[in-house]
Amino acid sequence: MSMKKLILFALSLAMFSLFSLQTKAEKQETKSGDTGGAKSVKELKNTAAGCLPGTGFKYLDLNNVRTRINTGGDMWWDFENGKYEIPNGSGKTSMFSAALWMGGVDVNQQLKLAAQMYRYGPDHSGRSDTDFWTGPLTIDGSASIEEETCRQYDHMYEMTREMVDEYIAWWENKDAYPDYTIPEEILNWPAHGDISKNQSFYLAPFFDNNGDGSYDPYSGDYPYYDLSGELCGTKTPTAEEEWGGLIPNSSVLSDQVLKGDQTLWWIFNDKGNIHSNTTGTPIGVEVRAQAFAFSTNDVINNMSFYSYEIINRSTYTLTDTYFSQWVDTDLGDATDDYVGCDVERGLGFCYNGDDVDGDGQPWAYGTNPPAIGVDFFQGPYIDADGEDNAPFDGDCSIFDFNAPAGSANDGSAINGINFGDGIIDNERFGMRRFVYHNNASSGAAGPYQHDPEYAIEYYNYLKGIWRDNSKMIYGAMPMLLPEVISLPPSVILCSRETQTPVTGVQMEHLLTALSIGQKKLPTTRLVTVGLCSLPALLPWNLAR
């Protein structure tokens, strides 16, 4: 699949989250203990830009969620405490942190990977644990960036639907609004990169009122919300494809435009410095991100959404490529949580292990605690096969889970979208993996499920296998009941007895009760989509 991904991700109390993306990938075999071709720190320093980790942030706070979004590829925390507060103003938090993971292999079977977990804040000089930095990369094939550019884009650009509505009303009838002044947010919208530095001319989306290809609010141009919905269902290309030379049919404007009633837009990359978190070799990706929320009187008021346009600025295509939204869900008190997934919904979730959350802490929910979920609304577009593939009818027996990813019978229809809708080759992946790992200090069984340290261990988790390259098994933890048949690492679980998807609650208790009894150990978990390929200089569209 093409490397343009727009990812949308949403969270709600009794919550869920959303994503969509486009990718392709093939399989890479690795051995336990292999570092996956990761370069030494000395080698990586020779090609790094020397950027500092991003320090900018803003709060997404329009509706019943108030959460912190950081510019450096992570969110929901301030480097010490969780900042996903719901209800807004209550002081109770349901998430601790989240970040992006992505990785694949190049033509030489070398692993390229970028991922973050808990990086150090700006007060910890000399340490970062960072794989992402702010700013756009060059489009000349080197996928490079200068330290000055990183500093320039260490900023969160906030826009609201109301602000744009007011601008349009003024533009269409200036006499009716004699005191109107164009807001600085619209005047300073980061629509264009610096072509003298080999950056793309087109960055943040804007409505081009006079069609001249340049952003000018004094000519009726504004940050682009699809106010009329006219782009829905269309394949209108982005300005970067139309004017900037992207491969034809590689972008969709409806994926790129701004969404929500409050929107935060920012841009980051994985080439600003050495990958001090994973020690992995950089990919050369530029990520254009949105965090957004709607103000409503229904359950959407309890949600936040996230969208990522990921562009491969390098000269090589990655195969066996996976993308994940890594999350650390602390549902109030973190010591009594369970995690699981709902296969048919493509939903990962966290819920309380008993009827009362915590012991009266201000961040805990107390009696009748809620649940929270993370959901990929739309994954990457599946590789074209000239067919409108059939939707899932509830019967897993029709699938071959060892089939190549994206083939008609690989199981993608279980929670993917656009199957059987009458349109050829618009099918998109849903959740393909749901994985968790434990802190080594928690006493969790075996190092195979501990936090990853090296790039290859992150990649193993992305593939749906344990850190040490051992496969997960249905009905028990690995190495506890070795007689249980091992599953292929890429499958979505279906019951052999009923030939229907296994529910998240079933899997959660199967995976936890045997090893940790009644009390949950501190865990983090990730929801993954793949298997895809990321062609060079193509945008990768992921939304949920």
Protein backbone atom coordinates (compact mmCIF):
# COMPACT_ATOMS: atom_id res chain seq x y z
CA MET A 1 0.00 0.00 0.00
CA SER A 2 1.06 3.54 -0.50
CA MET A 3 2.86 5.30 2.27
CA LYS A 4 0.33 8.03 2.66
CA LYS A 5 -1.58 7.39 5.82
CA LEU A 6 -4.07 9.53 7.51
CA ILE A 7 -4.83 8.19 10.94
CA LEU A 8 -7.78 9.10 12.96
CA PHE A 9 -8.02 7.96 16.53
CA ALA A 10 -10.79 8.55 19.02
CA LEU A 11 -11.28 7.98 22.72
CA SER A 12 -14.43 7.96 24.77
CA LEU A 13 -15.41 7.26 28.37
CA ALA A 14 -16.83 3.81 28.06
CA MET A 15 -14.50 5.00 25.35
CA PHE A 16 -12.95 4.10 22.05
CA SER A 17 -10.43 5.48 19.54
CA LEU A 18 -10.15 5.55 15.77
CA PHE A 19 -7.52 5.20 13.00
CA SER A 20 -7.13 4.76 9.22
CA LEU A 21 -4.02 4.16 7.08
CA GLN A 22 -2.48 2.79 3.83
CA THR A 23 0.51 0.40 3.73
CA LYS A 24 2.07 -2.80 2.31
CA ALA A 25 4.48 -5.26 3.89
CA GLU A 26 6.20 -8.61 3.59
CA LYS A 27 7.53 -10.97 6.22
CA GLN A 28 10.95 -10.78 7.88
CA GLU A 29 12.35 -13.61 9.98
CA THR A 30 14.61 -12.64 12.88
CA LYS A 31 16.37 -14.57 15.58
CA SER A 32 16.02 -14.06 19.30
CA GLY A 33 18.67 -11.65 20.51
CA ASP A 34 19.20 -10.10 17.06
CA THR A 35 19.37 -6.31 17.23
CA GLY A 36 17.77 -6.11 13.81
CA GLY A 37 20.67 -4.33 12.15
CA ALA A 38 20.48 -1.37 14.51
CA LYS A 39 23.39 1.02 14.15
CA SER A 40 25.65 1.97 17.00
CA VAL A 41 25.13 5.31 18.73
CA LYS A 42 28.38 6.53 17.15
CA GLU A 43 27.21 5.58 13.63
CA LEU A 44 23.83 7.23 14.14
CA LYS A 45 25.34 10.46 15.47
CA ASN A 46 27.25 10.87 12.23
CA THR A 47 23.96 11.23 10.28
CA ALA A 48 21.78 13.00 12.88
CA ALA A 49 20.74 16.65 12.76
CA GLY A 50 21.28 17.41 16.44
CA CYS A 51 17.71 18.52 17.13
CA LEU A 52 16.45 18.70 20.70
CA PRO A 53 13.29 16.86 21.74
CA GLY A 54 10.08 18.80 21.28
CA THR A 55 8.89 20.79 24.28
CA GLY A 56 5.76 22.42 22.85
CA PHE A 57 2.27 21.36 23.88
CA LYS A 58 -1.35 22.45 24.03
CA TYR A 59 -4.48 21.08 25.65
CA LEU A 60 -7.36 19.66 23.65
CA ASP A 61 -10.19 20.76 25.93
CA LEU A 62 -13.31 21.71 23.98
CA ASN A 63 -15.60 18.94 25.24
CA ASN A 64 -15.76 16.57 28.22
CA VAL A 65 -12.14 15.49 27.64
CA ARG A 66 -9.17 17.64 28.63
CA THR A 67 -5.86 16.19 27.51
CA ARG A 68 -2.33 17.38 26.80
CA ILE A 69 -0.87 16.90 23.31
CA ASN A 70 2.92 17.18 22.96
CA THR A 71 4.78 18.15 19.79
CA GLY A 72 7.32 15.32 20.04
CA GLY A 73 5.27 12.28 18.99
CA ASP A 74 3.69 11.52 22.37
CA MET A 75 0.58 12.71 24.20
CA TRP A 76 -1.65 12.51 27.29
CA TRP A 77 1.13 13.19 29.84
CA ASP A 78 3.51 15.90 31.05
CA PHE A 79 6.52 13.51 31.34
CA GLU A 80 5.58 12.70 34.94
CA ASN A 81 1.79 12.45 35.31
CA GLY A 82 -1.11 11.36 33.17
CA LYS A 83 -3.10 14.22 31.60
CA TYR A 84 -6.08 12.53 29.97
CA GLU A 85 -8.77 14.02 32.20
CA ILE A 86 -12.38 12.94 31.85
CA PRO A 87 -14.78 14.34 32.89
CA ASN A 88 -13.14 17.67 32.05
CA GLY A 89 -12.39 19.49 35.31
CA SER A 90 -12.82 16.43 37.54
CA GLY A 91 -9.13 15.69 38.12
CA LYS A 92 -9.80 12.02 37.24
CA THR A 93 -7.61 10.54 34.52
CA SER A 94 -8.10 7.42 32.41
CA MET A 95 -4.91 7.41 30.30
CA PHE A 96 -1.28 7.91 31.29
CA SER A 97 0.50 8.31 27.96
CA ALA A 98 0.52 7.34 24.28
CA ALA A 99 2.92 7.47 21.33
CA LEU A 100 3.46 6.16 17.81
CA TRP A 101 5.36 3.01 16.84
CA MET A 102 6.20 2.16 13.24
CA GLY A 103 8.72 -0.08 11.56
CA GLY A 104 9.54 -2.11 8.45
CA VAL A 105 12.42 -3.50 6.41
CA ASP A 106 14.20 -2.09 3.37
CA VAL A 107 15.34 -3.86 0.21
CA ASN A 108 18.43 -5.13 2.06
CA GLN A 109 16.25 -6.59 4.84
CA GLN A 110 17.51 -3.96 7.29
CA LEU A 111 15.04 -2.94 9.96
CA LYS A 112 14.01 0.75 10.04
CA LEU A 113 11.99 1.71 13.08
CA ALA A 114 10.81 4.66 15.18
CA ALA A 115 8.96 4.32 18.47
CA GLN A 116 8.58 6.03 21.82
CA MET A 117 7.33 5.21 25.28
CA TYR A 118 8.41 7.37 28.23
CA ARG A 119 10.81 10.08 27.13
CA TYR A 120 12.46 12.52 29.51
CA GLY A 121 11.08 16.03 29.76
CA PRO A 122 12.98 19.26 29.06
CA ASP A 123 14.20 19.46 32.69
CA HIS A 124 16.36 16.34 32.23
CA SER A 125 19.28 17.74 30.24
CA GLY A 126 21.40 15.19 28.40
CA ARG A 127 18.74 12.46 28.35
CA SER A 128 15.81 12.12 26.01
CA ASP A 129 14.77 8.52 25.08
CA THR A 130 13.39 10.05 21.90
CA ASP A 131 12.84 8.79 18.35
CA PHE A 132 10.80 11.78 17.09
CA TRP A 133 11.54 15.49 16.60
CA THR A 134 9.54 18.43 15.31
CA GLY A 135 9.49 19.83 11.78
CA PRO A 136 9.25 18.79 8.10
CA LEU A 137 11.94 16.81 6.29
CA THR A 138 13.51 17.67 2.95
CA ILE A 139 11.98 16.21 -0.22
CA ASP A 140 15.27 15.70 -2.09
CA GLY A 141 15.60 12.05 -1.01
CA SER A 142 17.92 12.70 1.91
CA ALA A 143 14.95 13.13 4.28
CA SER A 144 17.04 15.52 6.36
CA ILE A 145 16.34 18.45 8.65
CA GLU A 146 18.28 21.29 10.28
CA GLU A 147 18.25 22.07 13.98
CA GLU A 148 16.83 25.52 13.20
CA THR A 149 13.82 23.93 11.46
CA CYS A 150 13.19 21.66 14.45
CA ARG A 151 13.09 24.70 16.74
CA GLN A 152 10.81 26.60 14.35
CA TYR A 153 8.18 23.86 14.31
CA ASP A 154 8.27 23.02 18.02
CA HIS A 155 4.83 24.51 18.12
CA MET A 156 1.21 23.36 18.24
CA TYR A 157 -1.05 25.18 15.75
CA GLU A 158 -4.59 25.52 17.10
CA MET A 159 -7.62 26.12 14.91
CA THR A 160 -11.37 26.02 15.55
CA ARG A 161 -14.34 25.57 13.28
CA GLU A 162 -15.88 28.69 14.82
CA MET A 163 -12.84 30.78 13.91
CA VAL A 164 -13.04 29.67 10.28
CA ASP A 165 -16.82 30.19 10.15
CA GLU A 166 -16.37 33.77 11.35
CA TYR A 167 -13.62 34.38 8.79
CA ILE A 168 -15.80 33.10 5.93
CA ALA A 169 -18.76 35.22 7.08
CA TRP A 170 -16.52 38.31 7.05
CA TRP A 171 -14.98 37.44 3.68
CA GLU A 172 -18.38 37.01 2.04
CA ASN A 173 -19.83 40.23 3.52
CA LYS A 174 -17.15 42.58 4.84
CA ASP A 175 -19.61 45.44 5.31
CA ALA A 176 -21.51 43.40 7.90
CA TYR A 177 -18.38 42.95 10.06
CA PRO A 178 -16.58 46.32 10.07
CA ASP A 179 -14.64 45.56 13.26
CA TYR A 180 -13.45 42.10 12.23
CA THR A 181 -9.72 41.36 12.32
CA ILE A 182 -8.25 38.18 10.85
CA PRO A 183 -6.97 36.11 13.81
CA GLU A 184 -3.26 35.47 14.13
CA GLU A 185 -3.99 31.73 14.03
CA ILE A 186 -5.32 32.09 10.47
CA LEU A 187 -2.63 34.56 9.36
CA ASN A 188 0.17 32.34 10.67
CA TRP A 189 -1.27 29.02 9.52
CA PRO A 190 1.71 26.77 8.46
CA ALA A 191 0.41 26.15 4.95
CA HIS A 192 3.82 26.22 3.25
CA GLY A 193 7.29 24.88 3.85
CA ASP A 194 10.54 26.62 2.90
CA ILE A 195 11.45 25.51 -0.62
CA SER A 196 14.90 27.12 -0.23
CA LYS A 197 15.54 24.38 2.36
CA ASN A 198 14.14 21.67 0.05
CA GLN A 199 10.96 21.31 2.11
CA SER A 200 7.60 20.56 0.53
CA PHE A 201 5.80 23.77 -0.43
CA TYR A 202 2.58 22.30 0.99
CA LEU A 203 2.22 21.44 4.66
CA ALA A 204 -1.00 22.18 6.60
CA PRO A 205 -4.20 21.96 4.51
CA PHE A 206 -5.86 25.18 3.32
CA PHE A 207 -8.78 26.13 1.12
CA ASP A 208 -7.36 27.83 -1.97
CA ASN A 209 -10.08 30.36 -2.79
CA ASN A 210 -8.58 31.69 -6.04
CA GLY A 211 -6.82 28.48 -7.09
CA ASP A 212 -3.36 30.00 -7.38
CA GLY A 213 -1.70 27.32 -5.23
CA SER A 214 -0.54 29.75 -2.52
CA TYR A 215 -2.01 30.50 0.89
CA ASP A 216 -3.16 34.09 1.38
CA PRO A 217 -5.91 34.90 3.93
CA TYR A 218 -6.28 38.33 2.32
CA SER A 219 -7.43 36.53 -0.84
CA GLY A 220 -10.06 34.36 0.83
CA ASP A 221 -7.85 31.39 1.74
CA TYR A 222 -8.32 29.72 5.12
CA PRO A 223 -7.37 26.55 7.08
CA TYR A 224 -9.31 23.83 5.32
CA TYR A 225 -12.35 22.34 7.04
CA ASP A 226 -14.67 20.59 4.60
CA LEU A 227 -17.57 22.73 5.80
CA SER A 228 -20.11 21.48 3.26
CA GLY A 229 -19.02 17.83 3.29
CA GLU A 230 -18.53 17.96 -0.46
CA LEU A 231 -15.25 16.01 -0.28
CA CYS A 232 -16.82 12.97 1.39
CA GLY A 233 -16.57 9.93 -0.87
CA THR A 234 -14.45 11.73 -3.45
CA LYS A 235 -10.88 11.06 -4.54
CA THR A 236 -9.88 14.71 -4.95
CA PRO A 237 -6.07 14.84 -4.58
CA THR A 238 -4.22 17.03 -2.13
CA ALA A 239 -2.42 20.20 -3.18
CA GLU A 240 0.91 18.43 -2.74
CA GLU A 241 -0.11 15.88 -5.37
CA GLU A 242 -1.80 18.39 -7.66
CA TRP A 243 0.94 21.03 -7.51
CA GLY A 244 3.88 19.46 -5.73
CA GLY A 245 4.70 16.31 -7.66
CA LEU A 246 3.49 13.41 -5.50
CA ILE A 247 2.86 10.18 -7.35
CA PRO A 248 -0.56 10.34 -9.10
CA ASN A 249 -3.50 8.87 -7.18
CA SER A 250 -1.46 8.70 -3.99
CA SER A 251 -3.43 11.17 -1.86
CA VAL A 252 -7.01 11.98 -0.90
CA LEU A 253 -7.88 15.50 0.18
CA SER A 254 -10.83 14.37 2.30
CA ASP A 255 -8.37 12.46 4.51
CA GLN A 256 -6.05 15.45 4.90
CA VAL A 257 -8.45 18.31 5.65
CA LEU A 258 -9.02 19.55 9.20
CA LYS A 259 -11.62 17.83 11.33
CA GLY A 260 -13.52 18.52 14.52
CA ASP A 261 -14.70 21.72 16.22
CA GLN A 262 -11.29 22.23 17.90
CA THR A 263 -8.17 21.10 16.06
CA LEU A 264 -4.49 20.95 17.01
CA TRP A 265 -2.11 20.54 14.04
CA TRP A 266 1.62 19.81 14.28
CA ILE A 267 4.41 18.17 12.29
CA PHE A 268 7.24 15.87 13.38
CA ASN A 269 9.79 13.42 11.99
CA ASP A 270 12.19 10.61 12.93
CA LYS A 271 15.41 12.09 11.48
CA GLY A 272 16.14 15.01 13.83
CA ASN A 273 18.69 13.13 15.92
CA ILE A 274 19.74 9.62 16.93
CA HIS A 275 17.00 7.24 18.03
CA SER A 276 17.92 7.25 21.69
CA ASN A 277 14.81 5.27 22.70
CA THR A 278 15.10 2.24 20.40
CA THR A 279 18.65 2.69 18.94
CA GLY A 280 16.89 1.85 15.67
CA THR A 281 17.89 3.06 12.23
CA PRO A 282 15.68 6.01 11.16
CA ILE A 283 13.03 5.56 8.49
CA GLY A 284 12.86 9.10 7.14
CA VAL A 285 9.18 9.73 7.87
CA GLU A 286 7.43 13.07 8.12
CA VAL A 287 4.26 12.99 10.21
CA ARG A 288 1.54 15.63 9.90
CA ALA A 289 -0.74 15.18 12.87
CA GLN A 290 -4.12 16.38 14.06
CA ALA A 291 -5.78 16.03 17.45
CA PHE A 292 -9.40 17.11 17.40
CA ALA A 293 -12.66 17.08 19.31
CA PHE A 294 -16.33 17.80 18.74
CA SER A 295 -18.66 19.65 21.07
CA THR A 296 -21.91 17.66 21.07
CA ASN A 297 -24.72 16.57 23.35
CA ASP A 298 -24.13 12.84 22.77
CA VAL A 299 -21.34 10.29 23.45
CA ILE A 300 -18.99 12.00 20.96
CA ASN A 301 -18.62 14.72 23.59
CA ASN A 302 -16.69 12.12 25.63
CA MET A 303 -14.21 11.38 22.84
CA SER A 304 -10.99 12.73 21.38
CA PHE A 305 -9.76 11.96 17.86
CA TYR A 306 -6.33 11.78 16.22
CA SER A 307 -5.27 11.78 12.59
CA TYR A 308 -1.78 11.24 11.13
CA GLU A 309 -0.55 11.73 7.59
CA ILE A 310 2.74 9.83 7.40
CA ILE A 311 5.01 10.47 4.40
CA ASN A 312 8.10 8.45 3.54
CA ARG A 313 10.65 11.09 2.50
CA SER A 314 13.45 8.55 1.95
CA THR A 315 14.38 6.91 -1.37
CA TYR A 316 13.59 3.32 -0.35
CA THR A 317 10.37 1.38 0.03
CA LEU A 318 9.75 -0.37 3.34
CA THR A 319 8.08 -3.76 3.35
CA ASP A 320 6.74 -5.74 6.32
CA THR A 321 5.64 -2.39 7.70
CA TYR A 322 3.51 -2.04 10.82
CA PHE A 323 2.04 0.96 12.56
CA SER A 324 0.78 1.04 16.15
CA GLN A 325 -0.85 3.44 18.55
CA TRP A 326 0.97 2.51 21.76
CA VAL A 327 -0.97 3.46 24.87
CA ASP A 328 -0.50 3.19 28.62
CA THR A 329 -4.01 3.08 30.06
CA ASP A 330 -4.18 3.99 33.74
CA LEU A 331 -7.91 3.97 34.37
CA GLY A 332 -7.80 6.08 37.51
CA ASP A 333 -5.88 3.80 39.89
CA ALA A 334 -3.45 1.82 37.71
CA THR A 335 -3.15 -1.21 40.01
CA ASP A 336 -6.59 -2.74 39.41
CA ASP A 337 -7.01 -2.54 35.62
CA TYR A 338 -7.50 -5.23 33.00
CA VAL A 339 -7.02 -4.94 29.24
CA GLY A 340 -8.60 -6.76 26.32
CA CYS A 341 -9.83 -6.36 22.77
CA ASP A 342 -13.01 -6.72 20.77
CA VAL A 343 -11.98 -8.32 17.49
CA GLU A 344 -15.04 -7.53 15.40
CA ARG A 345 -14.99 -3.87 16.45
CA GLY A 346 -11.22 -3.56 16.08
CA LEU A 347 -11.26 -2.14 19.59
CA GLY A 348 -8.72 -2.35 22.40
CA PHE A 349 -10.11 -1.55 25.83
CA CYS A 350 -9.25 -1.18 29.51
CA TYR A 351 -11.62 -1.80 32.42
CA ASN A 352 -11.48 -1.99 36.20
CA GLY A 353 -10.77 -5.35 37.81
CA ASP A 354 -13.26 -4.81 40.63
CA ASP A 355 -16.29 -2.70 41.53
CA VAL A 356 -14.32 0.17 43.09
CA ASP A 357 -11.44 2.02 41.46
CA GLY A 358 -8.64 2.99 43.85
CA ASP A 359 -8.72 3.97 47.51
CA GLY A 360 -10.01 7.52 47.34
CA GLN A 361 -7.19 9.09 45.32
CA PRO A 362 -8.30 12.27 43.51
CA TRP A 363 -7.45 10.76 40.09
CA ALA A 364 -9.37 7.50 40.75
CA TYR A 365 -13.00 6.93 39.73
CA GLY A 366 -14.25 5.21 42.90
CA THR A 367 -17.51 3.25 42.66
CA ASN A 368 -19.00 2.27 39.29
CA PRO A 369 -15.77 2.94 37.36
CA PRO A 370 -15.98 3.43 33.57
CA ALA A 371 -14.12 1.66 30.77
CA ILE A 372 -12.03 3.21 28.02
CA GLY A 373 -11.20 2.06 24.49
CA VAL A 374 -8.83 2.71 21.59
CA ASP A 375 -10.14 1.93 18.12
CA PHE A 376 -8.82 2.11 14.56
CA PHE A 377 -11.73 3.47 12.55
CA GLN A 378 -9.84 3.01 9.31
CA GLY A 379 -6.51 1.36 8.67
CA PRO A 380 -4.39 1.53 5.52
CA TYR A 381 -5.88 0.84 2.15
CA ILE A 382 -5.39 -2.83 1.27
CA ASP A 383 -3.38 -3.56 -1.87
CA ALA A 384 -5.45 -3.43 -5.02
CA ASP A 385 -6.64 -6.79 -6.40
CA GLY A 386 -9.28 -5.59 -8.86
CA GLU A 387 -12.12 -6.88 -6.66
CA ASP A 388 -14.76 -5.60 -4.29
CA ASN A 389 -13.98 -8.15 -1.60
CA ALA A 390 -16.81 -9.72 0.35
CA PRO A 391 -17.78 -8.46 3.82
CA PHE A 392 -17.46 -10.60 6.94
CA ASP A 393 -20.59 -12.67 7.61
CA GLY A 394 -19.60 -13.97 11.05
CA ASP A 395 -18.05 -17.22 9.83
CA CYS A 396 -14.26 -17.43 10.30
CA SER A 397 -14.02 -20.74 8.44
CA ILE A 398 -13.85 -18.89 5.11
CA PHE A 399 -10.51 -17.31 6.03
CA ASP A 400 -6.96 -18.55 5.62
CA PHE A 401 -5.07 -16.70 8.33
CA ASN A 402 -1.74 -17.74 6.81
CA ALA A 403 -2.66 -16.06 3.51
CA PRO A 404 -0.68 -12.95 2.45
CA ALA A 405 -1.88 -9.79 4.18
CA GLY A 406 -4.42 -7.96 2.09
CA SER A 407 -5.54 -11.00 0.11
CA ALA A 408 -9.25 -11.61 -0.16
CA ASN A 409 -9.35 -14.36 2.49
CA ASP A 410 -6.76 -13.18 5.05
CA GLY A 411 -9.37 -12.16 7.66
CA SER A 412 -9.09 -8.41 7.09
CA ALA A 413 -12.84 -8.22 6.49
CA ILE A 414 -13.53 -9.07 10.16
CA ASN A 415 -12.93 -5.49 11.29
CA GLY A 416 -11.81 -3.72 8.13
CA ILE A 417 -14.08 -1.35 6.25
CA ASN A 418 -15.47 -0.87 2.71
CA PHE A 419 -15.84 -4.60 2.06
CA GLY A 420 -18.77 -5.42 -0.22
CA ASP A 421 -19.76 -1.79 -0.76
CA GLY A 422 -19.80 -2.00 -4.55
CA ILE A 423 -16.53 -0.08 -4.97
CA ILE A 424 -13.44 -1.90 -6.21
CA ASP A 425 -10.16 -1.64 -4.27
CA ASN A 426 -11.19 0.76 -1.51
CA GLU A 427 -10.97 -1.81 1.32
CA ARG A 428 -9.03 -0.75 4.41
CA PHE A 429 -7.47 -2.64 7.27
CA GLY A 430 -8.76 -2.51 10.83
CA MET A 431 -6.94 -3.72 13.94
CA ARG A 432 -4.59 -6.60 13.12
CA ARG A 433 -2.87 -7.09 16.48
CA PHE A 434 -3.57 -6.41 20.13
CA VAL A 435 -0.50 -6.85 22.35
CA TYR A 436 0.56 -5.90 25.86
CA HIS A 437 3.85 -5.85 27.75
CA ASN A 438 4.81 -5.51 31.41
CA ASN A 439 7.34 -3.52 33.40
CA ALA A 440 10.27 -5.74 34.34
CA SER A 441 9.97 -4.56 37.95
CA SER A 442 6.34 -5.70 38.17
CA GLY A 443 7.15 -9.36 38.72
CA ALA A 444 5.48 -10.38 35.46
CA ALA A 445 6.28 -13.80 34.11
CA GLY A 446 9.33 -14.10 31.91
CA PRO A 447 11.43 -11.46 30.16
CA TYR A 448 9.63 -12.34 26.93
CA GLN A 449 6.73 -10.00 27.86
CA HIS A 450 8.74 -7.20 29.46
CA ASP A 451 9.13 -3.71 28.02
CA PRO A 452 11.08 -3.61 24.73
CA GLU A 453 14.58 -2.16 24.78
CA TYR A 454 15.99 -2.52 21.25
CA ALA A 455 14.42 -1.86 17.86
CA ILE A 456 13.97 -5.55 17.04
CA GLU A 457 12.03 -6.06 20.28
CA TYR A 458 9.70 -3.19 19.40
CA TYR A 459 9.29 -4.74 15.97
CA ASN A 460 8.43 -8.13 17.44
CA TYR A 461 5.63 -6.57 19.46
CA LEU A 462 4.43 -4.77 16.33
CA LYS A 463 4.27 -8.13 14.55
CA GLY A 464 2.16 -9.64 17.33
CA ILE A 465 4.82 -11.86 18.90
CA TRP A 466 6.64 -11.62 22.19
CA ARG A 467 9.79 -9.61 22.78
CA ASP A 468 12.08 -12.68 22.53
CA ASN A 469 10.61 -13.80 19.17
CA SER A 470 8.37 -16.49 20.68
CA LYS A 471 4.85 -16.74 19.34
CA MET A 472 1.76 -16.11 21.39
CA ILE A 473 -0.51 -19.08 22.05
CA TYR A 474 -4.21 -19.42 22.49
CA GLY A 475 -5.28 -20.35 26.01
CA ALA A 476 -2.15 -19.56 28.03
CA MET A 477 0.99 -17.50 28.33
CA PRO A 478 3.99 -18.74 26.32
CA MET A 479 6.19 -21.30 28.08
CA LEU A 480 3.58 -21.98 30.76
CA LEU A 481 1.60 -24.52 28.76
CA PRO A 482 3.87 -25.44 25.86
CA GLU A 483 1.49 -28.16 24.65
CA VAL A 484 -1.03 -25.54 23.57
CA ILE A 485 -0.89 -25.03 19.82
CA SER A 486 0.86 -21.85 18.74
CA LEU A 487 -0.98 -19.38 16.50
CA PRO A 488 0.44 -17.62 13.44
CA PRO A 489 1.67 -14.21 14.65
CA SER A 490 -0.49 -12.21 12.25
CA VAL A 491 -3.92 -13.69 12.93
CA ILE A 492 -6.99 -12.28 14.57
CA LEU A 493 -8.25 -14.93 16.97
CA CYS A 494 -11.26 -17.05 16.06
CA SER A 495 -12.69 -19.86 18.14
CA ARG A 496 -12.08 -23.33 16.68
CA GLU A 497 -15.32 -24.53 18.23
CA THR A 498 -17.67 -21.81 16.98
CA GLN A 499 -15.65 -20.37 14.05
CA THR A 500 -16.47 -16.88 15.31
CA PRO A 501 -14.10 -14.16 16.60
CA VAL A 502 -12.90 -14.62 20.18
CA THR A 503 -14.16 -11.81 22.41
CA GLY A 504 -11.82 -9.49 24.25
CA VAL A 505 -13.07 -10.58 27.67
CA GLN A 506 -12.33 -14.22 26.85
CA MET A 507 -8.83 -13.39 25.70
CA GLU A 508 -8.11 -11.03 28.59
CA HIS A 509 -8.84 -13.61 31.23
CA LEU A 510 -7.11 -16.37 29.29
CA LEU A 511 -4.00 -14.24 29.03
CA THR A 512 -3.94 -12.87 32.56
CA ALA A 513 -5.64 -15.18 35.02
CA LEU A 514 -3.20 -18.06 34.53
CA SER A 515 -0.16 -15.98 35.37
CA ILE A 516 -1.19 -13.18 37.70
CA GLY A 517 -4.33 -14.34 39.46
CA GLN A 518 -6.76 -11.74 40.70
CA LYS A 519 -4.53 -8.66 40.64
CA LYS A 520 -3.40 -7.03 37.45
CA LEU A 521 0.25 -6.13 37.09
CA PRO A 522 1.18 -2.74 35.61
CA THR A 523 0.99 -3.16 31.84
CA THR A 524 1.11 -1.14 28.71
CA ARG A 525 -0.42 -2.21 25.45
CA LEU A 526 -0.55 -1.41 21.76
CA VAL A 527 -3.06 -1.70 18.94
CA THR A 528 -1.40 -2.46 15.61
CA VAL A 529 -2.32 -2.30 11.94
CA GLY A 530 -0.33 -3.88 9.12
CA LEU A 531 1.05 -5.72 7.20
CA CYS A 532 1.91 -3.09 4.60
CA SER A 533 4.62 -1.51 2.50
CA LEU A 534 5.64 2.14 2.53
CA PRO A 535 6.83 3.28 -0.90
CA ALA A 536 9.33 6.12 -0.99
CA LEU A 537 8.00 9.65 -1.34
CA LEU A 538 4.40 8.57 -0.96
CA PRO A 539 2.01 9.77 1.72
CA TRP A 540 0.62 7.14 4.08
CA ASN A 541 -2.97 7.69 5.15
CA LEU A 542 -4.12 6.52 8.56
CA ALA A 543 -7.31 7.51 10.30
CA ARG A 544 -9.68 6.29 12.93
